[in-house]
């Protein structure tokens, strides 16, 4: 199995766990951090994504490779919680990245609506 396939499998499994923590799936905010985030709602979830993005930037400025990986993992995780909150999956992001593959950054930017 290739590394990208393992990555997609891991993301899919993690997405399933996150989905299972939603209130509609019986997630208990007293027993699960993710369920607590869902219980608190959109603003709390998005605030966590923002906090993790800032911590990722700070780790990058420090140049500590291990800390960068740690913080990016937190950012990805909380981004996945946000995706689930909006009924999206990692596969939706992967599909968007695949759509952009082979486009220059400037070309992709020019194609964006608005």
Foldseek 3Di string as FASTA:
>chain_A
DDPVVVVVVVQVVLLVVLLCLDVVNPNDLVVDVSVVQNVVDDVSLVVQLVVLVVQLVVCVVVVDVVSNVVSVVSNVSSVSSNCVSVPHGVVVVVVVVVVCPPPPPVRVVVPDDD
